[in-house]
Amino acid sequence: MSRITFLSIGLLALSPMVMAQGQSLHDAACLQCHASLTGGKPTSLYTRADRKVTTLASLQQRVKGCAIAADANWSDAERESVVKYLSTTFYSFK
């Protein structure tokens, strides 16, 4: 097998780990605030008809801003894992 094949397989194997990390970070830092904003339905911010996030770039900006507001001291990689989790789970951005 070539190097590229091994790299591709390695990245696919990491994807579930990245998703799990993103969900864990999101749930720990975001759910309580989102629940307070939505009457106890924290994920409704992502599924409402008039949601504010409509592109991957706007999701990245929103996560960055929310992380600051939540005082989440995330690395760039951790923040991107949250973006990947939200994008895959709620938005389907490519």
PDB file of N, CA and C in Angstrom:
ATOM      1  N   MET A   1       0.834  -1.193   0.000  1.00  0.00           N
ATOM      2  CA  MET A   1       0.000   0.000   0.000  1.00  0.00           C
ATOM      3  C   MET A   1       0.870   1.244   0.000  1.00  0.00           C
ATOM      4  N   SER A   2       0.352   2.275  -0.568  1.00  0.00           N
ATOM      5  CA  SER A   2       1.115   3.519  -0.636  1.00  0.00           C
ATOM      6  C   SER A   2       0.949   4.324   0.643  1.00  0.00           C
ATOM      7  N   ARG A   3       1.787   5.315   0.786  1.00  0.00           N
ATOM      8  CA  ARG A   3       1.709   6.220   1.937  1.00  0.00           C
ATOM      9  C   ARG A   3       0.364   6.933   2.002  1.00  0.00           C
ATOM     10  N   ILE A   4      -0.135   7.346   0.851  1.00  0.00           N
ATOM     11  CA  ILE A   4      -1.405   8.070   0.791  1.00  0.00           C
ATOM     12  C   ILE A   4      -2.545   7.184   1.285  1.00  0.00           C
ATOM     13  N   THR A   5      -2.522   5.919   0.924  1.00  0.00           N
ATOM     14  CA  THR A   5      -3.560   4.997   1.380  1.00  0.00           C
ATOM     15  C   THR A   5      -3.526   4.869   2.893  1.00  0.00           C
ATOM     16  N   PHE A   6      -2.332   4.697   3.470  1.00  0.00           N
ATOM     17  CA  PHE A   6      -2.227   4.598   4.919  1.00  0.00           C
ATOM     18  C   PHE A   6      -2.689   5.878   5.607  1.00  0.00           C
ATOM     19  N   LEU A   7      -2.331   7.010   5.032  1.00  0.00           N
ATOM     20  CA  LEU A   7      -2.766   8.290   5.596  1.00  0.00           C
ATOM     21  C   LEU A   7      -4.283   8.407   5.553  1.00  0.00           C
ATOM     22  N   SER A   8      -4.891   8.040   4.448  1.00  0.00           N
ATOM     23  CA  SER A   8      -6.353   8.102   4.320  1.00  0.00           C
ATOM     24  C   SER A   8      -7.034   7.191   5.325  1.00  0.00           C
ATOM     25  N   ILE A   9      -6.530   5.989   5.474  1.00  0.00           N
ATOM     26  CA  ILE A   9      -7.102   5.042   6.439  1.00  0.00           C
ATOM     27  C   ILE A   9      -6.949   5.585   7.854  1.00  0.00           C
ATOM     28  N   GLY A  10      -5.801   6.179   8.152  1.00  0.00           N
ATOM     29  CA  GLY A  10      -5.571   6.750   9.479  1.00  0.00           C
ATOM     30  C   GLY A  10      -6.520   7.894   9.788  1.00  0.00           C
ATOM     31  N   LEU A  11      -6.765   8.749   8.819  1.00  0.00           N
ATOM     32  CA  LEU A  11      -7.684   9.869   9.029  1.00  0.00           C
ATOM     33  C   LEU A  11      -9.111   9.383   9.230  1.00  0.00           C
ATOM     34  N   LEU A  12      -9.516   8.360   8.503  1.00  0.00           N
ATOM     35  CA  LEU A  12     -10.854   7.801   8.690  1.00  0.00           C
ATOM     36  C   LEU A  12     -11.001   7.199  10.077  1.00  0.00           C
ATOM     37  N   ALA A  13      -9.959   6.561  10.567  1.00  0.00           N
ATOM     38  CA  ALA A  13     -10.011   5.959  11.896  1.00  0.00           C
ATOM     39  C   ALA A  13     -10.099   7.025  12.975  1.00  0.00           C
ATOM     40  N   LEU A  14      -9.488   8.171  12.764  1.00  0.00           N
ATOM     41  CA  LEU A  14      -9.529   9.253  13.743  1.00  0.00           C
ATOM     42  C   LEU A  14     -10.872   9.963  13.778  1.00  0.00           C
ATOM     43  N   SER A  15     -11.604   9.933  12.692  1.00  0.00           N
ATOM     44  CA  SER A  15     -12.846  10.676  12.605  1.00  0.00           C
ATOM     45  C   SER A  15     -13.816  10.384  13.748  1.00  0.00           C
ATOM     46  N   PRO A  16     -14.092   9.102  14.098  1.00  0.00           N
ATOM     47  CA  PRO A  16     -14.985   8.860  15.244  1.00  0.00           C
ATOM     48  C   PRO A  16     -14.423   9.416  16.555  1.00  0.00           C
ATOM     49  N   MET A  17     -13.101   9.374  16.703  1.00  0.00           N
ATOM     50  CA  MET A  17     -12.492   9.917  17.917  1.00  0.00           C
ATOM     51  C   MET A  17     -12.660  11.432  17.967  1.00  0.00           C
ATOM     52  N   VAL A  18     -12.496  12.082  16.830  1.00  0.00           N
ATOM     53  CA  VAL A  18     -12.665  13.537  16.752  1.00  0.00           C
ATOM     54  C   VAL A  18     -14.113  13.899  17.059  1.00  0.00           C
ATOM     55  N   MET A  19     -15.037  13.139  16.492  1.00  0.00           N
ATOM     56  CA  MET A  19     -16.466  13.387  16.745  1.00  0.00           C
ATOM     57  C   MET A  19     -16.794  13.219  18.228  1.00  0.00           C
ATOM     58  N   ALA A  20     -16.283  12.169  18.839  1.00  0.00           N
ATOM     59  CA  ALA A  20     -16.551  11.926  20.260  1.00  0.00           C
ATOM     60  C   ALA A  20     -15.957  13.039  21.122  1.00  0.00           C
ATOM     61  N   GLN A  21     -14.753  13.476  20.782  1.00  0.00           N
ATOM     62  CA  GLN A  21     -14.141  14.574  21.528  1.00  0.00           C
ATOM     63  C   GLN A  21     -14.959  15.848  21.358  1.00  0.00           C
ATOM     64  N   GLY A  22     -15.383  16.122  20.127  1.00  0.00           N
ATOM     65  CA  GLY A  22     -16.178  17.317  19.870  1.00  0.00           C
ATOM     66  C   GLY A  22     -17.480  17.318  20.644  1.00  0.00           C
ATOM     67  N   GLN A  23     -18.146  16.174  20.672  1.00  0.00           N
ATOM     68  CA  GLN A  23     -19.401  16.086  21.421  1.00  0.00           C
ATOM     69  C   GLN A  23     -19.153  16.266  22.908  1.00  0.00           C
ATOM     70  N   SER A  24     -18.120  15.642  23.417  1.00  0.00           N
ATOM     71  CA  SER A  24     -17.811  15.760  24.841  1.00  0.00           C
ATOM     72  C   SER A  24     -17.499  17.207  25.231  1.00  0.00           C
ATOM     73  N   LEU A  25     -16.679  17.879  24.444  1.00  0.00           N
ATOM     74  CA  LEU A  25     -16.353  19.285  24.721  1.00  0.00           C
ATOM     75  C   LEU A  25     -17.598  20.156  24.617  1.00  0.00           C
ATOM     76  N   HIS A  26     -18.376  19.948  23.575  1.00  0.00           N
ATOM     77  CA  HIS A  26     -19.618  20.695  23.371  1.00  0.00           C
ATOM     78  C   HIS A  26     -20.557  20.513  24.554  1.00  0.00           C
ATOM     79  N   ASP A  27     -20.789  19.268  24.919  1.00  0.00           N
ATOM     80  CA  ASP A  27     -21.743  18.992  25.990  1.00  0.00           C
ATOM     81  C   ASP A  27     -21.303  19.613  27.312  1.00  0.00           C
ATOM     82  N   ALA A  28     -20.011  19.564  27.592  1.00  0.00           N
ATOM     83  CA  ALA A  28     -19.498  20.106  28.855  1.00  0.00           C
ATOM     84  C   ALA A  28     -19.550  21.630  28.899  1.00  0.00           C
ATOM     85  N   ALA A  29     -19.290  22.281  27.775  1.00  0.00           N
ATOM     86  CA  ALA A  29     -19.167  23.743  27.780  1.00  0.00           C
ATOM     87  C   ALA A  29     -20.398  24.488  27.283  1.00  0.00           C
ATOM     88  N   CYS A  30     -21.266  23.826  26.522  1.00  0.00           N
ATOM     89  CA  CYS A  30     -22.307  24.553  25.799  1.00  0.00           C
ATOM     90  C   CYS A  30     -23.743  24.250  26.239  1.00  0.00           C
ATOM     91  N   LEU A  31     -24.017  23.032  26.632  1.00  0.00           N
ATOM     92  CA  LEU A  31     -25.410  22.629  26.850  1.00  0.00           C
ATOM     93  C   LEU A  31     -26.124  23.426  27.931  1.00  0.00           C
ATOM     94  N   GLN A  32     -25.452  23.719  29.020  1.00  0.00           N
ATOM     95  CA  GLN A  32     -26.114  24.435  30.116  1.00  0.00           C
ATOM     96  C   GLN A  32     -26.564  25.825  29.666  1.00  0.00           C
ATOM     97  N   CYS A  33     -25.693  26.542  28.975  1.00  0.00           N
ATOM     98  CA  CYS A  33     -26.053  27.879  28.494  1.00  0.00           C
ATOM     99  C   CYS A  33     -27.159  27.798  27.449  1.00  0.00           C
ATOM    100  N   HIS A  34     -27.010  26.875  26.510  1.00  0.00           N
ATOM    101  CA  HIS A  34     -28.021  26.739  25.461  1.00  0.00           C
ATOM    102  C   HIS A  34     -29.375  26.351  26.040  1.00  0.00           C
ATOM    103  N   ALA A  35     -29.375  25.497  27.061  1.00  0.00           N
ATOM    104  CA  ALA A  35     -30.633  25.120  27.710  1.00  0.00           C
ATOM    105  C   ALA A  35     -31.293  26.331  28.361  1.00  0.00           C
ATOM    106  N   SER A  36     -30.478  27.201  28.952  1.00  0.00           N
ATOM    107  CA  SER A  36     -31.044  28.398  29.595  1.00  0.00           C
ATOM    108  C   SER A  36     -31.628  29.360  28.556  1.00  0.00           C
ATOM    109  N   LEU A  37     -31.098  29.341  27.362  1.00  0.00           N
ATOM    110  CA  LEU A  37     -31.581  30.226  26.296  1.00  0.00           C
ATOM    111  C   LEU A  37     -32.834  29.689  25.599  1.00  0.00           C
ATOM    112  N   THR A  38     -33.081  28.390  25.726  1.00  0.00           N
ATOM    113  CA  THR A  38     -34.138  27.756  24.925  1.00  0.00           C
ATOM    114  C   THR A  38     -35.180  27.033  25.764  1.00  0.00           C
ATOM    115  N   GLY A  39     -35.284  27.365  27.026  1.00  0.00           N
ATOM    116  CA  GLY A  39     -36.279  26.715  27.869  1.00  0.00           C
ATOM    117  C   GLY A  39     -36.032  25.228  28.058  1.00  0.00           C
ATOM    118  N   GLY A  40     -34.761  24.852  28.151  1.00  0.00           N
ATOM    119  CA  GLY A  40     -34.421  23.459  28.427  1.00  0.00           C
ATOM    120  C   GLY A  40     -34.245  22.583  27.201  1.00  0.00           C
ATOM    121  N   LYS A  41     -34.196  23.181  26.031  1.00  0.00           N
ATOM    122  CA  LYS A  41     -34.015  22.407  24.785  1.00  0.00           C
ATOM    123  C   LYS A  41     -32.739  22.882  24.088  1.00  0.00           C
ATOM    124  N   PRO A  42     -31.575  22.491  24.600  1.00  0.00           N
ATOM    125  CA  PRO A  42     -30.316  23.082  24.140  1.00  0.00           C
ATOM    126  C   PRO A  42     -29.998  22.873  22.665  1.00  0.00           C
ATOM    127  N   THR A  43     -30.355  21.748  22.093  1.00  0.00           N
ATOM    128  CA  THR A  43     -30.017  21.524  20.679  1.00  0.00           C
ATOM    129  C   THR A  43     -30.985  22.205  19.722  1.00  0.00           C
ATOM    130  N   SER A  44     -32.054  22.788  20.254  1.00  0.00           N
ATOM    131  CA  SER A  44     -33.002  23.470  19.366  1.00  0.00           C
ATOM    132  C   SER A  44     -32.372  24.690  18.692  1.00  0.00           C
ATOM    133  N   LEU A  45     -31.281  25.217  19.257  1.00  0.00           N
ATOM    134  CA  LEU A  45     -30.575  26.317  18.591  1.00  0.00           C
ATOM    135  C   LEU A  45     -30.067  25.883  17.222  1.00  0.00           C
ATOM    136  N   TYR A  46     -29.768  24.607  17.076  1.00  0.00           N
ATOM    137  CA  TYR A  46     -29.211  24.098  15.823  1.00  0.00           C
ATOM    138  C   TYR A  46     -30.284  23.655  14.838  1.00  0.00           C
ATOM    139  N   THR A  47     -31.476  23.432  15.315  1.00  0.00           N
ATOM    140  CA  THR A  47     -32.511  22.856  14.451  1.00  0.00           C
ATOM    141  C   THR A  47     -33.673  23.808  14.162  1.00  0.00           C
ATOM    142  N   ARG A  48     -33.681  24.967  14.766  1.00  0.00           N
ATOM    143  CA  ARG A  48     -34.793  25.898  14.558  1.00  0.00           C
ATOM    144  C   ARG A  48     -34.811  26.422  13.118  1.00  0.00           C
ATOM    145  N   ALA A  49     -35.954  26.802  12.667  1.00  0.00           N
ATOM    146  CA  ALA A  49     -36.125  27.258  11.289  1.00  0.00           C
ATOM    147  C   ALA A  49     -35.331  28.534  10.997  1.00  0.00           C
ATOM    148  N   ASP A  50     -35.214  29.406  11.981  1.00  0.00           N
ATOM    149  CA  ASP A  50     -34.512  30.673  11.764  1.00  0.00           C
ATOM    150  C   ASP A  50     -33.098  30.672  12.337  1.00  0.00           C
ATOM    151  N   ARG A  51     -32.437  29.528  12.264  1.00  0.00           N
ATOM    152  CA  ARG A  51     -31.100  29.451  12.852  1.00  0.00           C
ATOM    153  C   ARG A  51     -30.147  30.426  12.184  1.00  0.00           C
ATOM    154  N   LYS A  52     -29.221  30.923  12.976  1.00  0.00           N
ATOM    155  CA  LYS A  52     -28.311  31.974  12.525  1.00  0.00           C
ATOM    156  C   LYS A  52     -27.129  31.427  11.725  1.00  0.00           C
ATOM    157  N   VAL A  53     -26.743  30.201  11.974  1.00  0.00           N
ATOM    158  CA  VAL A  53     -25.592  29.593  11.317  1.00  0.00           C
ATOM    159  C   VAL A  53     -26.051  28.927  10.024  1.00  0.00           C
ATOM    160  N   THR A  54     -25.508  29.397   8.900  1.00  0.00           N
ATOM    161  CA  THR A  54     -25.941  28.862   7.606  1.00  0.00           C
ATOM    162  C   THR A  54     -24.782  28.386   6.728  1.00  0.00           C
ATOM    163  N   THR A  55     -23.545  28.605   7.192  1.00  0.00           N
ATOM    164  CA  THR A  55     -22.366  28.165   6.442  1.00  0.00           C
ATOM    165  C   THR A  55     -21.345  27.589   7.421  1.00  0.00           C
ATOM    166  N   LEU A  56     -20.397  26.839   6.881  1.00  0.00           N
ATOM    167  CA  LEU A  56     -19.328  26.310   7.723  1.00  0.00           C
ATOM    168  C   LEU A  56     -18.523  27.445   8.345  1.00  0.00           C
ATOM    169  N   ALA A  57     -18.257  28.481   7.580  1.00  0.00           N
ATOM    170  CA  ALA A  57     -17.497  29.619   8.112  1.00  0.00           C
ATOM    171  C   ALA A  57     -18.237  30.290   9.265  1.00  0.00           C
ATOM    172  N   SER A  58     -19.543  30.432   9.146  1.00  0.00           N
ATOM    173  CA  SER A  58     -20.302  31.054  10.239  1.00  0.00           C
ATOM    174  C   SER A  58     -20.358  30.128  11.460  1.00  0.00           C
ATOM    175  N   LEU A  59     -20.369  28.829  11.237  1.00  0.00           N
ATOM    176  CA  LEU A  59     -20.314  27.882  12.362  1.00  0.00           C
ATOM    177  C   LEU A  59     -18.975  27.992  13.080  1.00  0.00           C
ATOM    178  N   GLN A  60     -17.895  28.074  12.333  1.00  0.00           N
ATOM    179  CA  GLN A  60     -16.573  28.216  12.948  1.00  0.00           C
ATOM    180  C   GLN A  60     -16.492  29.494  13.779  1.00  0.00           C
ATOM    181  N   GLN A  61     -17.027  30.585  13.264  1.00  0.00           N
ATOM    182  CA  GLN A  61     -17.032  31.848  14.003  1.00  0.00           C
ATOM    183  C   GLN A  61     -17.897  31.765  15.250  1.00  0.00           C
ATOM    184  N   ARG A  62     -19.065  31.143  15.126  1.00  0.00           N
ATOM    185  CA  ARG A  62     -19.985  31.027  16.259  1.00  0.00           C
ATOM    186  C   ARG A  62     -19.354  30.182  17.361  1.00  0.00           C
ATOM    187  N   VAL A  63     -18.739  29.061  16.999  1.00  0.00           N
ATOM    188  CA  VAL A  63     -18.098  28.199  17.997  1.00  0.00           C
ATOM    189  C   VAL A  63     -16.962  28.953  18.681  1.00  0.00           C
ATOM    190  N   LYS A  64     -16.194  29.694  17.918  1.00  0.00           N
ATOM    191  CA  LYS A  64     -15.102  30.478  18.508  1.00  0.00           C
ATOM    192  C   LYS A  64     -15.639  31.494  19.510  1.00  0.00           C
ATOM    193  N   GLY A  65     -16.686  32.206  19.127  1.00  0.00           N
ATOM    194  CA  GLY A  65     -17.279  33.196  20.025  1.00  0.00           C
ATOM    195  C   GLY A  65     -17.919  32.573  21.251  1.00  0.00           C
ATOM    196  N   CYS A  66     -18.622  31.480  21.060  1.00  0.00           N
ATOM    197  CA  CYS A  66     -19.259  30.806  22.191  1.00  0.00           C
ATOM    198  C   CYS A  66     -18.224  30.224  23.147  1.00  0.00           C
ATOM    199  N   ALA A  67     -17.116  29.724  22.606  1.00  0.00           N
ATOM    200  CA  ALA A  67     -16.060  29.184  23.463  1.00  0.00           C
ATOM    201  C   ALA A  67     -15.494  30.280  24.368  1.00  0.00           C
ATOM    202  N   ILE A  68     -15.340  31.468  23.808  1.00  0.00           N
ATOM    203  CA  ILE A  68     -14.859  32.590  24.613  1.00  0.00           C
ATOM    204  C   ILE A  68     -15.890  32.939  25.686  1.00  0.00           C
ATOM    205  N   ALA A  69     -17.158  33.013  25.301  1.00  0.00           N
ATOM    206  CA  ALA A  69     -18.218  33.349  26.260  1.00  0.00           C
ATOM    207  C   ALA A  69     -18.341  32.309  27.365  1.00  0.00           C
ATOM    208  N   ALA A  70     -18.103  31.048  27.018  1.00  0.00           N
ATOM    209  CA  ALA A  70     -18.209  29.959  27.997  1.00  0.00           C
ATOM    210  C   ALA A  70     -16.919  29.760  28.782  1.00  0.00           C
ATOM    211  N   ASP A  71     -15.915  30.563  28.465  1.00  0.00           N
ATOM    212  CA  ASP A  71     -14.604  30.454  29.099  1.00  0.00           C
ATOM    213  C   ASP A  71     -14.017  29.055  28.914  1.00  0.00           C
ATOM    214  N   ALA A  72     -14.255  28.490  27.733  1.00  0.00           N
ATOM    215  CA  ALA A  72     -13.700  27.183  27.380  1.00  0.00           C
ATOM    216  C   ALA A  72     -12.316  27.417  26.792  1.00  0.00           C
ATOM    217  N   ASN A  73     -11.323  26.929  27.436  1.00  0.00           N
ATOM    218  CA  ASN A  73      -9.948  27.139  27.006  1.00  0.00           C
ATOM    219  C   ASN A  73      -9.545  26.032  26.028  1.00  0.00           C
ATOM    220  N   TRP A  74     -10.191  26.020  24.862  1.00  0.00           N
ATOM    221  CA  TRP A  74      -9.963  24.979  23.865  1.00  0.00           C
ATOM    222  C   TRP A  74      -8.803  25.342  22.961  1.00  0.00           C
ATOM    223  N   SER A  75      -8.046  24.320  22.579  1.00  0.00           N
ATOM    224  CA  SER A  75      -7.028  24.500  21.540  1.00  0.00           C
ATOM    225  C   SER A  75      -7.746  24.636  20.193  1.00  0.00           C
ATOM    226  N   ASP A  76      -7.008  25.016  19.166  1.00  0.00           N
ATOM    227  CA  ASP A  76      -7.597  25.100  17.828  1.00  0.00           C
ATOM    228  C   ASP A  76      -8.143  23.739  17.392  1.00  0.00           C
ATOM    229  N   ALA A  77      -7.407  22.677  17.696  1.00  0.00           N
ATOM    230  CA  ALA A  77      -7.846  21.328  17.320  1.00  0.00           C
ATOM    231  C   ALA A  77      -9.118  20.926  18.066  1.00  0.00           C
ATOM    232  N   GLU A  78      -9.209  21.293  19.333  1.00  0.00           N
ATOM    233  CA  GLU A  78     -10.426  20.987  20.097  1.00  0.00           C
ATOM    234  C   GLU A  78     -11.617  21.764  19.551  1.00  0.00           C
ATOM    235  N   ARG A  79     -11.386  23.035  19.246  1.00  0.00           N
ATOM    236  CA  ARG A  79     -12.469  23.847  18.686  1.00  0.00           C
ATOM    237  C   ARG A  79     -12.930  23.266  17.348  1.00  0.00           C
ATOM    238  N   GLU A  80     -12.005  22.831  16.530  1.00  0.00           N
ATOM    239  CA  GLU A  80     -12.368  22.229  15.249  1.00  0.00           C
ATOM    240  C   GLU A  80     -13.107  20.905  15.435  1.00  0.00           C
ATOM    241  N   SER A  81     -12.804  20.175  16.521  1.00  0.00           N
ATOM    242  CA  SER A  81     -13.550  18.934  16.769  1.00  0.00           C
ATOM    243  C   SER A  81     -15.001  19.244  17.132  1.00  0.00           C
ATOM    244  N   VAL A  82     -15.234  20.341  17.824  1.00  0.00           N
ATOM    245  CA  VAL A  82     -16.599  20.768  18.137  1.00  0.00           C
ATOM    246  C   VAL A  82     -17.308  21.186  16.848  1.00  0.00           C
ATOM    247  N   VAL A  83     -16.610  21.927  15.994  1.00  0.00           N
ATOM    248  CA  VAL A  83     -17.184  22.321  14.699  1.00  0.00           C
ATOM    249  C   VAL A  83     -17.543  21.078  13.897  1.00  0.00           C
ATOM    250  N   LYS A  84     -16.658  20.100  13.851  1.00  0.00           N
ATOM    251  CA  LYS A  84     -16.921  18.877  13.090  1.00  0.00           C
ATOM    252  C   LYS A  84     -18.134  18.146  13.663  1.00  0.00           C
ATOM    253  N   TYR A  85     -18.208  18.045  14.977  1.00  0.00           N
ATOM    254  CA  TYR A  85     -19.356  17.392  15.613  1.00  0.00           C
ATOM    255  C   TYR A  85     -20.655  18.103  15.242  1.00  0.00           C
ATOM    256  N   LEU A  86     -20.696  19.417  15.394  1.00  0.00           N
ATOM    257  CA  LEU A  86     -21.918  20.163  15.098  1.00  0.00           C
ATOM    258  C   LEU A  86     -22.267  20.117  13.611  1.00  0.00           C
ATOM    259  N   SER A  87     -21.259  20.261  12.773  1.00  0.00           N
ATOM    260  CA  SER A  87     -21.488  20.245  11.340  1.00  0.00           C
ATOM    261  C   SER A  87     -22.062  18.899  10.887  1.00  0.00           C
ATOM    262  N   THR A  88     -21.492  17.833  11.379  1.00  0.00           N
ATOM    263  CA  THR A  88     -21.934  16.497  10.988  1.00  0.00           C
ATOM    264  C   THR A  88     -23.285  16.159  11.591  1.00  0.00           C
ATOM    265  N   THR A  89     -23.497  16.529  12.827  1.00  0.00           N
ATOM    266  CA  THR A  89     -24.715  16.122  13.544  1.00  0.00           C
ATOM    267  C   THR A  89     -25.926  16.977  13.190  1.00  0.00           C
ATOM    268  N   PHE A  90     -25.734  18.272  13.004  1.00  0.00           N
ATOM    269  CA  PHE A  90     -26.880  19.167  12.854  1.00  0.00           C
ATOM    270  C   PHE A  90     -26.938  19.922  11.531  1.00  0.00           C
ATOM    271  N   TYR A  91     -25.818  20.180  10.899  1.00  0.00           N
ATOM    272  CA  TYR A  91     -25.818  21.088   9.752  1.00  0.00           C
ATOM    273  C   TYR A  91     -25.531  20.440   8.400  1.00  0.00           C
ATOM    274  N   SER A  92     -24.753  19.409   8.371  1.00  0.00           N
ATOM    275  CA  SER A  92     -24.353  18.737   7.128  1.00  0.00           C
ATOM    276  C   SER A  92     -23.565  19.640   6.187  1.00  0.00           C
ATOM    277  N   PHE A  93     -22.716  20.508   6.757  1.00  0.00           N
ATOM    278  CA  PHE A  93     -21.832  21.318   5.933  1.00  0.00           C
ATOM    279  C   PHE A  93     -20.718  20.441   5.394  1.00  0.00           C
ATOM    280  N   LYS A  94     -20.223  20.760   4.234  1.00  0.00           N
ATOM    281  CA  LYS A  94     -19.136  19.988   3.627  1.00  0.00           C
ATOM    282  C   LYS A  94     -17.851  20.762   3.691  1.00  0.00           C
TER     283      LYS A  94
END
